[in-house]
Amino acid sequence: MARSIDPRLKLTLSMLRDLVNKLAVISGQCDLLSDHLKEGSQCAKRVIAIRGIAREMAKDLDEYHHKMLESRSTRIEELNVA
C-alpha cells in the first residue's frame, strides 16, 4: 500500500523549491545589473558578492531538497517491504 506524502513535508519541499527559484532570479538580476556597471567598481564588487551568495545558498538548498526527497523515497520503500 503506497503511503501519501506528509503535508508538512510537502510544504517544506515546496518552500525549498520556491527559495531556490527566487535565489536564481536574484542571481540572474545580478548578472544583468553587472553588465551595466564599471568593472572593478565598488558597486560591481557588491553585485558580484550578492550573486555569489545567492548561488551558494541556492546550491545548498537544492542539495538539502534532494536529500529530503531521497530520505522520503527510502522511508516509503521500507514501508513497502514491511
C-alpha atoms as a PDB file:
ATOM      1  CA  MET A   1       0.000   0.000   0.000  1.00  0.00           C
ATOM      2  CA  ALA A   2       1.529   3.322  -1.064  1.00  0.00           C
ATOM      3  CA  ARG A   3       1.628   5.962   1.592  1.00  0.00           C
ATOM      4  CA  SER A   4       0.822   9.560   0.704  1.00  0.00           C
ATOM      5  CA  ILE A   5       3.312  12.299   1.411  1.00  0.00           C
ATOM      6  CA  ASP A   6       3.076  14.064   4.757  1.00  0.00           C
ATOM      7  CA  PRO A   7       1.519  17.515   4.158  1.00  0.00           C
ATOM      8  CA  ARG A   8       4.248  19.162   6.282  1.00  0.00           C
ATOM      9  CA  LEU A   9       6.978  17.530   4.209  1.00  0.00           C
ATOM     10  CA  LYS A  10       5.198  18.525   1.010  1.00  0.00           C
ATOM     11  CA  LEU A  11       5.042  22.138   2.223  1.00  0.00           C
ATOM     12  CA  THR A  12       8.716  22.072   3.216  1.00  0.00           C
ATOM     13  CA  LEU A  13       9.769  20.671  -0.155  1.00  0.00           C
ATOM     14  CA  SER A  14       7.633  23.257  -1.936  1.00  0.00           C
ATOM     15  CA  MET A  15       9.118  26.094   0.113  1.00  0.00           C
ATOM     16  CA  LEU A  16      12.657  24.873  -0.566  1.00  0.00           C
ATOM     17  CA  ARG A  17      11.980  24.778  -4.303  1.00  0.00           C
ATOM     18  CA  ASP A  18      10.461  28.284  -4.172  1.00  0.00           C
ATOM     19  CA  LEU A  19      13.516  29.627  -2.326  1.00  0.00           C
ATOM     20  CA  VAL A  20      15.885  28.079  -4.858  1.00  0.00           C
ATOM     21  CA  ASN A  21      13.873  29.629  -7.699  1.00  0.00           C
ATOM     22  CA  LYS A  22      13.865  33.071  -6.057  1.00  0.00           C
ATOM     23  CA  LEU A  23      17.608  32.894  -5.461  1.00  0.00           C
ATOM     24  CA  ALA A  24      18.061  32.013  -9.137  1.00  0.00           C
ATOM     25  CA  VAL A  25      16.131  35.183 -10.033  1.00  0.00           C
ATOM     26  CA  ILE A  26      18.351  37.254  -7.724  1.00  0.00           C
ATOM     27  CA  SER A  27      21.444  35.735  -9.329  1.00  0.00           C
ATOM     28  CA  GLY A  28      20.107  36.426 -12.815  1.00  0.00           C
ATOM     29  CA  GLN A  29      19.276  40.020 -11.955  1.00  0.00           C
ATOM     30  CA  CYS A  30      22.816  40.452 -10.624  1.00  0.00           C
ATOM     31  CA  ASP A  31      24.146  39.167 -13.952  1.00  0.00           C
ATOM     32  CA  LEU A  32      22.045  41.710 -15.834  1.00  0.00           C
ATOM     33  CA  LEU A  33      22.997  44.529 -13.478  1.00  0.00           C
ATOM     34  CA  SER A  34      26.704  43.763 -13.630  1.00  0.00           C
ATOM     35  CA  ASP A  35      26.612  44.280 -17.415  1.00  0.00           C
ATOM     36  CA  HIS A  36      25.864  47.960 -16.744  1.00  0.00           C
ATOM     37  CA  LEU A  37      28.459  48.573 -14.039  1.00  0.00           C
ATOM     38  CA  LYS A  38      32.048  49.632 -14.409  1.00  0.00           C
ATOM     39  CA  GLU A  39      34.245  46.567 -13.961  1.00  0.00           C
ATOM     40  CA  GLY A  40      36.103  46.665 -10.654  1.00  0.00           C
ATOM     41  CA  SER A  41      33.913  49.428  -9.197  1.00  0.00           C
ATOM     42  CA  GLN A  42      32.616  49.133  -5.650  1.00  0.00           C
ATOM     43  CA  CYS A  43      29.078  48.563  -6.954  1.00  0.00           C
ATOM     44  CA  ALA A  44      30.260  45.828  -9.318  1.00  0.00           C
ATOM     45  CA  LYS A  45      32.096  44.103  -6.468  1.00  0.00           C
ATOM     46  CA  ARG A  46      28.976  44.217  -4.294  1.00  0.00           C
ATOM     47  CA  VAL A  47      26.772  42.835  -7.064  1.00  0.00           C
ATOM     48  CA  ILE A  48      29.267  40.007  -7.647  1.00  0.00           C
ATOM     49  CA  ALA A  49      29.249  39.250  -3.907  1.00  0.00           C
ATOM     50  CA  ILE A  50      25.433  39.178  -3.803  1.00  0.00           C
ATOM     51  CA  ARG A  51      25.347  36.904  -6.847  1.00  0.00           C
ATOM     52  CA  GLY A  52      27.882  34.557  -5.254  1.00  0.00           C
ATOM     53  CA  ILE A  53      25.938  34.332  -2.011  1.00  0.00           C
ATOM     54  CA  ALA A  54      22.651  33.729  -3.857  1.00  0.00           C
ATOM     55  CA  ARG A  55      24.206  30.957  -5.946  1.00  0.00           C
ATOM     56  CA  GLU A  56      25.807  29.319  -2.921  1.00  0.00           C
ATOM     57  CA  MET A  57      22.558  29.426  -0.960  1.00  0.00           C
ATOM     58  CA  ALA A  58      20.601  28.047  -3.928  1.00  0.00           C
ATOM     59  CA  LYS A  59      23.094  25.192  -4.306  1.00  0.00           C
ATOM     60  CA  ASP A  60      22.930  24.347  -0.584  1.00  0.00           C
ATOM     61  CA  LEU A  61      19.126  24.449  -0.515  1.00  0.00           C
ATOM     62  CA  ASP A  62      18.899  22.374  -3.690  1.00  0.00           C
ATOM     63  CA  GLU A  63      21.176  19.715  -2.170  1.00  0.00           C
ATOM     64  CA  TYR A  64      19.057  19.698   1.007  1.00  0.00           C
ATOM     65  CA  HIS A  65      15.903  19.395  -1.120  1.00  0.00           C
ATOM     66  CA  HIS A  66      17.321  16.344  -2.901  1.00  0.00           C
ATOM     67  CA  LYS A  67      18.387  14.750   0.400  1.00  0.00           C
ATOM     68  CA  MET A  68      14.864  15.158   1.746  1.00  0.00           C
ATOM     69  CA  LEU A  69      13.417  13.570  -1.392  1.00  0.00           C
ATOM     70  CA  GLU A  70      15.867  10.660  -1.148  1.00  0.00           C
ATOM     71  CA  SER A  71      15.056  10.202   2.539  1.00  0.00           C
ATOM     72  CA  ARG A  72      11.341  10.173   1.739  1.00  0.00           C
ATOM     73  CA  SER A  73      11.853   7.555  -1.010  1.00  0.00           C
ATOM     74  CA  THR A  74      13.857   5.336   1.351  1.00  0.00           C
ATOM     75  CA  ARG A  75      11.143   5.504   4.033  1.00  0.00           C
ATOM     76  CA  ILE A  76       8.425   4.599   1.513  1.00  0.00           C
ATOM     77  CA  GLU A  77      10.488   1.654   0.221  1.00  0.00           C
ATOM     78  CA  GLU A  78      10.985   0.440   3.808  1.00  0.00           C
ATOM     79  CA  LEU A  79       7.239   0.622   4.409  1.00  0.00           C
ATOM     80  CA  ASN A  80       6.503  -1.287   1.196  1.00  0.00           C
ATOM     81  CA  VAL A  81       8.927  -4.072   2.165  1.00  0.00           C
ATOM     82  CA  ALA A  82       7.432  -4.375   5.634  1.00  0.00           C
END
